[in-house]
C-alpha atoms as a PDB file:
ATOM      1  CA  MET A   1     104.822 -51.926-107.928  1.00  0.00           C
ATOM      2  CA  PRO A   2     101.600 -51.789-105.881  1.00  0.00           C
ATOM      3  CA  THR A   3     101.722 -51.527-102.098  1.00  0.00           C
ATOM      4  CA  HIS A   4      98.682 -53.747-101.751  1.00  0.00           C
ATOM      5  CA  THR A   5      96.991 -56.829-103.149  1.00  0.00           C
ATOM      6  CA  ARG A   6      93.957 -56.099-105.299  1.00  0.00           C
ATOM      7  CA  ILE A   7      90.916 -58.340-104.916  1.00  0.00           C
ATOM      8  CA  ARG A   8      88.239 -58.562-107.615  1.00  0.00           C
ATOM      9  CA  MET A   9      89.377 -55.776-109.892  1.00  0.00           C
ATOM     10  CA  PHE A  10      86.665 -54.208-112.048  1.00  0.00           C
ATOM     11  CA  ASN A  11      85.978 -51.218-114.246  1.00  0.00           C
ATOM     12  CA  THR A  12      83.057 -48.895-113.591  1.00  0.00           C
ATOM     13  CA  LYS A  13      82.147 -49.015-117.286  1.00  0.00           C
ATOM     14  CA  GLN A  14      80.675 -52.501-116.706  1.00  0.00           C
ATOM     15  CA  THR A  15      79.352 -51.854-113.197  1.00  0.00           C
ATOM     16  CA  TYR A  16      77.516 -48.649-114.107  1.00  0.00           C
ATOM     17  CA  PRO A  17      76.546 -49.058-117.782  1.00  0.00           C
ATOM     18  CA  ASN A  18      73.979 -46.252-117.462  1.00  0.00           C
ATOM     19  CA  GLN A  19      76.707 -43.759-116.516  1.00  0.00           C
ATOM     20  CA  SER A  20      79.715 -42.416-118.422  1.00  0.00           C
ATOM     21  CA  LEU A  21      82.435 -43.811-116.184  1.00  0.00           C
ATOM     22  CA  ASP A  22      85.718 -45.569-116.913  1.00  0.00           C
ATOM     23  CA  ASN A  23      87.541 -46.074-113.599  1.00  0.00           C
ATOM     24  CA  ASP A  24      89.635 -49.079-112.565  1.00  0.00           C
ATOM     25  CA  LEU A  25      88.735 -50.128-109.016  1.00  0.00           C
ATOM     26  CA  CYS A  26      88.731 -53.182-106.720  1.00  0.00           C
ATOM     27  CA  GLN A  27      86.139 -54.731-104.446  1.00  0.00           C
ATOM     28  CA  ALA A  28      88.805 -55.005-101.723  1.00  0.00           C
ATOM     29  CA  VAL A  29      92.490 -54.475-101.141  1.00  0.00           C
ATOM     30  CA  ARG A  30      94.889 -55.968 -98.643  1.00  0.00           C
ATOM     31  CA  ALA A  31      97.725 -53.738 -97.466  1.00  0.00           C
ATOM     32  CA  GLY A  32      99.928 -55.642 -95.059  1.00  0.00           C
ATOM     33  CA  ASN A  33      97.553 -57.090 -92.457  1.00  0.00           C
ATOM     34  CA  THR A  34      94.791 -54.579 -93.154  1.00  0.00           C
ATOM     35  CA  VAL A  35      91.901 -55.323 -95.509  1.00  0.00           C
ATOM     36  CA  TYR A  36      89.727 -52.531 -96.879  1.00  0.00           C
ATOM     37  CA  VAL A  37      86.419 -53.668 -98.370  1.00  0.00           C
ATOM     38  CA  ARG A  38      84.663 -51.353-100.801  1.00  0.00           C
ATOM     39  CA  GLY A  39      81.059 -50.440-100.013  1.00  0.00           C
ATOM     40  CA  GLN A  40      78.915 -53.533-100.564  1.00  0.00           C
ATOM     41  CA  ILE A  41      75.284 -53.384-101.596  1.00  0.00           C
ATOM     42  CA  GLY A  42      72.554 -55.922-102.289  1.00  0.00           C
ATOM     43  CA  THR A  43      74.093 -56.997-105.590  1.00  0.00           C
ATOM     44  CA  ASP A  44      75.866 -60.325-105.967  1.00  0.00           C
ATOM     45  CA  PHE A  45      79.169 -60.647-107.816  1.00  0.00           C
ATOM     46  CA  ASP A  46      77.336 -61.566-111.017  1.00  0.00           C
ATOM     47  CA  GLY A  47      75.622 -58.162-110.958  1.00  0.00           C
ATOM     48  CA  ASN A  48      72.186 -59.380-109.843  1.00  0.00           C
ATOM     49  CA  LEU A  49      70.330 -57.174-107.366  1.00  0.00           C
ATOM     50  CA  VAL A  50      68.944 -59.179-104.453  1.00  0.00           C
ATOM     51  CA  GLY A  51      65.963 -57.695-102.611  1.00  0.00           C
ATOM     52  CA  LEU A  52      64.542 -54.941-104.809  1.00  0.00           C
ATOM     53  CA  GLY A  53      62.804 -52.611-102.346  1.00  0.00           C
ATOM     54  CA  ASP A  54      63.863 -54.738 -99.342  1.00  0.00           C
ATOM     55  CA  PRO A  55      66.624 -53.231 -97.172  1.00  0.00           C
ATOM     56  CA  ARG A  56      66.897 -56.406 -95.053  1.00  0.00           C
ATOM     57  CA  ALA A  57      67.509 -58.630 -98.097  1.00  0.00           C
ATOM     58  CA  GLN A  58      69.992 -56.138 -99.538  1.00  0.00           C
ATOM     59  CA  ALA A  59      71.885 -56.062 -96.232  1.00  0.00           C
ATOM     60  CA  GLU A  60      71.988 -59.866 -96.183  1.00  0.00           C
ATOM     61  CA  GLN A  61      73.545 -59.965 -99.658  1.00  0.00           C
ATOM     62  CA  ALA A  62      75.971 -57.165 -98.788  1.00  0.00           C
ATOM     63  CA  MET A  63      77.204 -59.112 -95.758  1.00  0.00           C
ATOM     64  CA  LYS A  64      77.591 -62.289 -97.848  1.00  0.00           C
ATOM     65  CA  ASN A  65      79.781 -60.231-100.172  1.00  0.00           C
ATOM     66  CA  VAL A  66      81.808 -58.834 -97.251  1.00  0.00           C
ATOM     67  CA  LYS A  67      82.407 -62.346 -95.911  1.00  0.00           C
ATOM     68  CA  GLN A  68      83.517 -63.657 -99.299  1.00  0.00           C
ATOM     69  CA  LEU A  69      85.838 -60.709 -99.971  1.00  0.00           C
ATOM     70  CA  LEU A  70      87.479 -61.004 -96.562  1.00  0.00           C
ATOM     71  CA  GLU A  71      88.040 -64.713 -97.141  1.00  0.00           C
ATOM     72  CA  GLU A  72      89.554 -64.010-100.564  1.00  0.00           C
ATOM     73  CA  ALA A  73      91.923 -61.594 -98.795  1.00  0.00           C
ATOM     74  CA  GLY A  74      92.950 -64.272 -96.276  1.00  0.00           C
ATOM     75  CA  SER A  75      90.803 -62.840 -93.479  1.00  0.00           C
ATOM     76  CA  ASP A  76      87.363 -63.385 -91.967  1.00  0.00           C
ATOM     77  CA  LEU A  77      84.490 -61.514 -90.331  1.00  0.00           C
ATOM     78  CA  SER A  78      86.060 -61.762 -86.859  1.00  0.00           C
ATOM     79  CA  HIS A  79      88.839 -59.414 -87.998  1.00  0.00           C
ATOM     80  CA  ILE A  80      86.515 -56.480 -88.741  1.00  0.00           C
ATOM     81  CA  VAL A  81      87.484 -53.424 -86.704  1.00  0.00           C
ATOM     82  CA  LYS A  82      85.323 -50.747 -88.386  1.00  0.00           C
ATOM     83  CA  THR A  83      82.077 -50.619 -90.314  1.00  0.00           C
ATOM     84  CA  THR A  84      80.418 -47.722 -92.080  1.00  0.00           C
ATOM     85  CA  THR A  85      76.783 -48.258 -93.006  1.00  0.00           C
ATOM     86  CA  TYR A  86      74.834 -45.979 -95.327  1.00  0.00           C
ATOM     87  CA  ILE A  87      71.029 -46.077 -95.597  1.00  0.00           C
ATOM     88  CA  ILE A  88      68.786 -43.888 -97.724  1.00  0.00           C
ATOM     89  CA  ASP A  89      65.874 -43.825 -95.272  1.00  0.00           C
ATOM     90  CA  PRO A  90      66.029 -43.726 -91.456  1.00  0.00           C
ATOM     91  CA  ARG A  91      63.302 -46.398 -91.347  1.00  0.00           C
ATOM     92  CA  TYR A  92      65.836 -48.852 -92.813  1.00  0.00           C
ATOM     93  CA  ARG A  93      68.140 -48.563 -89.801  1.00  0.00           C
ATOM     94  CA  GLU A  94      66.529 -51.317 -87.752  1.00  0.00           C
ATOM     95  CA  PRO A  95      66.247 -54.015 -90.464  1.00  0.00           C
ATOM     96  CA  VAL A  96      69.728 -53.289 -91.852  1.00  0.00           C
ATOM     97  CA  TYR A  97      71.420 -53.164 -88.443  1.00  0.00           C
ATOM     98  CA  GLN A  98      69.663 -56.379 -87.362  1.00  0.00           C
ATOM     99  CA  VAL A  99      71.201 -58.191 -90.326  1.00  0.00           C
ATOM    100  CA  VAL A 100      74.654 -56.676 -89.817  1.00  0.00           C
ATOM    101  CA  GLY A 101      74.458 -57.460 -86.094  1.00  0.00           C
ATOM    102  CA  LYS A 102      73.614 -61.103 -86.845  1.00  0.00           C
ATOM    103  CA  TRP A 103      76.688 -61.452 -89.075  1.00  0.00           C
ATOM    104  CA  LEU A 104      78.994 -59.649 -86.613  1.00  0.00           C
ATOM    105  CA  LYS A 105      77.774 -61.176 -83.329  1.00  0.00           C
ATOM    106  CA  GLY A 106      80.707 -61.270 -80.910  1.00  0.00           C
ATOM    107  CA  VAL A 107      83.019 -59.189 -83.145  1.00  0.00           C
ATOM    108  CA  PHE A 108      82.561 -55.734 -81.494  1.00  0.00           C
ATOM    109  CA  PRO A 109      83.808 -53.390 -84.246  1.00  0.00           C
ATOM    110  CA  ILE A 110      83.395 -49.648 -84.080  1.00  0.00           C
ATOM    111  CA  SER A 111      80.573 -48.493 -86.310  1.00  0.00           C
ATOM    112  CA  THR A 112      79.440 -45.373 -88.106  1.00  0.00           C
ATOM    113  CA  GLY A 113      75.955 -45.125 -89.571  1.00  0.00           C
ATOM    114  CA  LEU A 114      74.796 -42.464 -91.976  1.00  0.00           C
ATOM    115  CA  VAL A 115      71.447 -41.574 -93.516  1.00  0.00           C
ATOM    116  CA  ILE A 116      72.147 -40.153 -96.954  1.00  0.00           C
ATOM    117  CA  SER A 117      70.044 -38.866 -99.840  1.00  0.00           C
ATOM    118  CA  GLY A 118      71.057 -41.599-102.273  1.00  0.00           C
ATOM    119  CA  LEU A 119      73.583 -44.188-103.424  1.00  0.00           C
ATOM    120  CA  GLY A 120      75.153 -44.975-106.803  1.00  0.00           C
ATOM    121  CA  GLN A 121      71.967 -46.486-108.251  1.00  0.00           C
ATOM    122  CA  PRO A 122      68.371 -45.618-107.290  1.00  0.00           C
ATOM    123  CA  GLU A 123      67.437 -49.207-106.380  1.00  0.00           C
ATOM    124  CA  TRP A 124      70.227 -49.469-103.782  1.00  0.00           C
ATOM    125  CA  LEU A 125      68.834 -48.923-100.281  1.00  0.00           C
ATOM    126  CA  MET A 126      71.933 -49.544 -98.185  1.00  0.00           C
ATOM    127  CA  GLU A 127      75.683 -49.937 -98.446  1.00  0.00           C
ATOM    128  CA  ILE A 128      78.316 -51.112 -95.975  1.00  0.00           C
ATOM    129  CA  ASP A 129      82.082 -50.917 -96.092  1.00  0.00           C
ATOM    130  CA  VAL A 130      84.469 -52.467 -93.609  1.00  0.00           C
ATOM    131  CA  ILE A 131      88.060 -52.417 -92.483  1.00  0.00           C
ATOM    132  CA  ALA A 132      89.579 -55.596 -91.049  1.00  0.00           C
ATOM    133  CA  VAL A 133      92.964 -56.241 -89.425  1.00  0.00           C
ATOM    134  CA  ILE A 134      94.366 -59.750 -89.686  1.00  0.00           C
ATOM    135  CA  PRO A 135      96.216 -60.935 -86.551  1.00  0.00           C
ATOM    136  CA  ASP A 136      99.913 -61.699 -87.081  1.00  0.00           C
ATOM    137  CA  ASP A 137      99.412 -65.320 -85.991  1.00  0.00           C
ATOM    138  CA  TRP A 138      96.332 -65.904 -88.199  1.00  0.00           C
ATOM    139  CA  ALA A 139      96.295 -68.955 -90.435  1.00  0.00           C
ATOM    140  CA  ALA A 140      93.499 -68.678 -93.007  1.00  0.00           C
ATOM    141  CA  ALA A 141      91.392 -71.794 -93.448  1.00  0.00           C
END
């Protein structure tokens, strides 16, 4: 019996067809009132990359995904308490953080940002994962 609710289960065999993987994962999980959202990139849920070569456009799509996943978990963006943002080039910090800041205006989460050498696919320029805590008295729309 799982201790959490799985949201958008998938297998890495379909997500990474160019790699030899076969792992069962989820886009998000809800454990009690806490929602953990897997790192989101500039790919929509149909597998289409948005913004090839454009970190701002990829961040926009990633935040759309975050919003949708939180809503599917019975939460929303205002419940985010922690973000971790990964970029593959320090020059991407400003455009990516401007987009994230627009989506999280007034939320005030803690935030960690990392510049790393690469992500799961070479065309991915940024990735963001979040943790949200749903208030006890929250009634999802």
